Amino acid sequence: MPKLKTRKSLINRFRITKSGKVLRRQGFRRHLKANKSAKRLRNLKKTIELTGFYAKKVRKAMGK
């Protein structure tokens, strides 16, 4: 079976840690910020872990 090519679009969107966790950024931060609270915007800055089925899919697509 041939090796899978890395999905280049995923390299910009996800990061895989040494331990194999898949991290992603959160959406809803681009516009309409005036009606979002400062607390909400602050929490949206954080990267969060992708879990379960999708994490496995992303890891495979990134060739890890």
N, C-alpha and C. Protein backbone atom coordinates (compact mmCIF):
# COMPACT_ATOMS: atom_id res chain seq x y z
N MET A 1 0.84 -1.19 0.00
CA MET A 1 0.00 0.00 0.00
C MET A 1 0.89 1.26 0.00
N PRO A 2 0.62 2.20 -0.92
CA PRO A 2 1.48 3.40 -0.99
C PRO A 2 1.25 4.33 0.20
N LYS A 3 2.26 5.13 0.50
CA LYS A 3 2.15 6.11 1.58
C LYS A 3 1.15 7.19 1.18
N LEU A 4 0.42 7.69 2.17
CA LEU A 4 -0.54 8.76 1.91
C LEU A 4 0.18 10.11 1.89
N LYS A 5 -0.22 10.98 0.98
CA LYS A 5 0.33 12.33 0.97
C LYS A 5 -0.32 13.15 2.07
N THR A 6 0.44 14.07 2.64
CA THR A 6 -0.07 14.95 3.68
C THR A 6 -1.04 15.96 3.07
N ARG A 7 -2.16 16.18 3.73
CA ARG A 7 -3.10 17.21 3.29
C ARG A 7 -2.53 18.56 3.70
N LYS A 8 -2.09 19.33 2.74
CA LYS A 8 -1.41 20.61 3.03
C LYS A 8 -2.34 21.62 3.69
N SER A 9 -3.63 21.55 3.40
CA SER A 9 -4.58 22.49 4.01
C SER A 9 -4.69 22.27 5.52
N LEU A 10 -4.46 21.05 5.96
CA LEU A 10 -4.58 20.73 7.38
C LEU A 10 -3.38 21.21 8.19
N ILE A 11 -2.24 21.34 7.54
CA ILE A 11 -1.03 21.78 8.25
C ILE A 11 -1.24 23.16 8.87
N ASN A 12 -1.97 24.04 8.16
CA ASN A 12 -2.22 25.40 8.67
C ASN A 12 -3.29 25.42 9.76
N ARG A 13 -4.14 24.40 9.81
CA ARG A 13 -5.30 24.44 10.71
C ARG A 13 -5.14 23.64 11.98
N PHE A 14 -4.28 22.63 11.94
CA PHE A 14 -4.14 21.76 13.10
C PHE A 14 -2.67 21.62 13.48
N ARG A 15 -2.45 21.31 14.77
CA ARG A 15 -1.10 21.04 15.24
C ARG A 15 -1.13 19.75 16.03
N ILE A 16 -0.16 18.89 15.83
CA ILE A 16 -0.10 17.64 16.58
C ILE A 16 1.05 17.73 17.57
N THR A 17 0.74 17.48 18.85
CA THR A 17 1.75 17.57 19.89
C THR A 17 2.61 16.31 19.88
N LYS A 18 3.66 16.33 20.68
CA LYS A 18 4.56 15.17 20.78
C LYS A 18 3.81 13.94 21.26
N SER A 19 2.85 14.16 22.15
CA SER A 19 2.09 13.03 22.71
C SER A 19 0.97 12.56 21.78
N GLY A 20 0.77 13.27 20.65
CA GLY A 20 -0.22 12.84 19.67
C GLY A 20 -1.57 13.53 19.75
N LYS A 21 -1.70 14.53 20.63
CA LYS A 21 -2.96 15.28 20.70
C LYS A 21 -3.08 16.18 19.48
N VAL A 22 -4.31 16.36 19.02
CA VAL A 22 -4.57 17.25 17.88
C VAL A 22 -5.18 18.54 18.41
N LEU A 23 -4.51 19.67 18.14
CA LEU A 23 -4.99 20.97 18.61
C LEU A 23 -5.51 21.79 17.45
N ARG A 24 -6.56 22.56 17.72
CA ARG A 24 -7.12 23.44 16.69
C ARG A 24 -7.49 24.77 17.30
N ARG A 25 -7.61 25.78 16.44
CA ARG A 25 -8.05 27.10 16.88
C ARG A 25 -9.57 27.16 16.81
N GLN A 26 -10.15 28.13 17.49
CA GLN A 26 -11.60 28.26 17.50
C GLN A 26 -12.05 29.35 16.52
N GLY A 27 -13.24 29.18 16.01
CA GLY A 27 -13.82 30.16 15.10
C GLY A 27 -14.59 31.23 15.85
N PHE A 28 -15.40 31.98 15.15
CA PHE A 28 -16.29 33.02 15.69
C PHE A 28 -15.52 34.20 16.29
N ARG A 29 -14.34 34.50 15.75
CA ARG A 29 -13.56 35.62 16.28
C ARG A 29 -13.29 36.70 15.24
N ARG A 30 -13.73 36.51 14.03
CA ARG A 30 -13.36 37.41 12.94
C ARG A 30 -14.11 38.75 12.94
N HIS A 31 -15.42 38.67 13.09
CA HIS A 31 -16.20 39.91 13.02
C HIS A 31 -17.38 39.84 13.98
N LEU A 32 -18.15 40.92 14.04
CA LEU A 32 -19.25 41.07 14.99
C LEU A 32 -18.77 40.90 16.43
N LYS A 33 -17.61 41.51 16.73
CA LYS A 33 -17.03 41.38 18.07
C LYS A 33 -17.70 42.27 19.10
N ALA A 34 -18.35 43.31 18.64
CA ALA A 34 -18.94 44.29 19.56
C ALA A 34 -20.01 43.67 20.45
N ASN A 35 -20.76 42.71 19.92
CA ASN A 35 -21.80 42.10 20.75
C ASN A 35 -21.36 40.79 21.41
N LYS A 36 -20.06 40.53 21.43
CA LYS A 36 -19.53 39.39 22.19
C LYS A 36 -18.80 39.97 23.40
N SER A 37 -18.94 39.31 24.54
CA SER A 37 -18.31 39.82 25.75
C SER A 37 -16.79 39.63 25.68
N ALA A 38 -16.09 40.42 26.48
CA ALA A 38 -14.62 40.33 26.53
C ALA A 38 -14.20 38.94 26.99
N LYS A 39 -14.95 38.39 27.93
CA LYS A 39 -14.65 37.04 28.45
C LYS A 39 -14.76 36.00 27.33
N ARG A 40 -15.81 36.12 26.54
CA ARG A 40 -16.03 35.18 25.44
C ARG A 40 -14.91 35.27 24.40
N LEU A 41 -14.54 36.50 24.05
CA LEU A 41 -13.47 36.70 23.07
C LEU A 41 -12.14 36.18 23.60
N ARG A 42 -11.89 36.39 24.89
CA ARG A 42 -10.66 35.91 25.52
C ARG A 42 -10.60 34.38 25.48
N ASN A 43 -11.71 33.74 25.75
CA ASN A 43 -11.75 32.28 25.73
C ASN A 43 -11.65 31.71 24.32
N LEU A 44 -12.09 32.48 23.31
CA LEU A 44 -12.00 32.02 21.93
C LEU A 44 -10.56 32.07 21.40
N LYS A 45 -9.66 32.79 22.09
CA LYS A 45 -8.25 32.84 21.68
C LYS A 45 -7.55 31.51 21.88
N LYS A 46 -8.02 30.75 22.85
CA LYS A 46 -7.34 29.52 23.25
C LYS A 46 -7.45 28.43 22.19
N THR A 47 -6.39 27.64 22.09
CA THR A 47 -6.46 26.47 21.22
C THR A 47 -7.10 25.34 22.03
N ILE A 48 -7.89 24.52 21.38
CA ILE A 48 -8.54 23.42 22.08
C ILE A 48 -8.19 22.10 21.40
N GLU A 49 -8.36 21.04 22.17
CA GLU A 49 -8.00 19.72 21.69
C GLU A 49 -9.15 19.11 20.90
N LEU A 50 -8.81 18.48 19.80
CA LEU A 50 -9.77 17.76 18.98
C LEU A 50 -9.78 16.33 19.49
N THR A 51 -10.96 15.76 19.73
CA THR A 51 -11.00 14.41 20.31
C THR A 51 -11.81 13.47 19.43
N GLY A 52 -11.68 12.21 19.74
CA GLY A 52 -12.51 11.18 19.12
C GLY A 52 -12.22 10.93 17.66
N PHE A 53 -13.29 10.68 16.94
CA PHE A 53 -13.25 10.27 15.54
C PHE A 53 -12.52 11.27 14.65
N TYR A 54 -12.81 12.56 14.84
CA TYR A 54 -12.21 13.58 13.98
C TYR A 54 -10.71 13.72 14.21
N ALA A 55 -10.29 13.57 15.45
CA ALA A 55 -8.86 13.64 15.77
C ALA A 55 -8.12 12.53 15.03
N LYS A 56 -8.71 11.37 15.02
CA LYS A 56 -8.10 10.21 14.34
C LYS A 56 -8.01 10.48 12.83
N LYS A 57 -9.09 11.03 12.28
CA LYS A 57 -9.15 11.36 10.85
C LYS A 57 -8.07 12.39 10.46
N VAL A 58 -7.94 13.43 11.27
CA VAL A 58 -6.98 14.50 11.01
C VAL A 58 -5.56 13.95 11.10
N ARG A 59 -5.30 13.15 12.14
CA ARG A 59 -3.98 12.57 12.33
C ARG A 59 -3.58 11.73 11.11
N LYS A 60 -4.53 10.95 10.60
CA LYS A 60 -4.27 10.11 9.44
C LYS A 60 -4.01 10.94 8.20
N ALA A 61 -4.80 12.00 8.00
CA ALA A 61 -4.66 12.86 6.83
C ALA A 61 -3.34 13.63 6.86
N MET A 62 -2.82 13.88 8.08
CA MET A 62 -1.55 14.60 8.22
C MET A 62 -0.36 13.65 8.17
N GLY A 63 -0.66 12.37 8.04
CA GLY A 63 0.41 11.37 7.92
C GLY A 63 1.12 11.09 9.23
N LYS A 64 0.41 11.19 10.35
CA LYS A 64 1.01 10.92 11.67
C LYS A 64 0.38 9.71 12.31
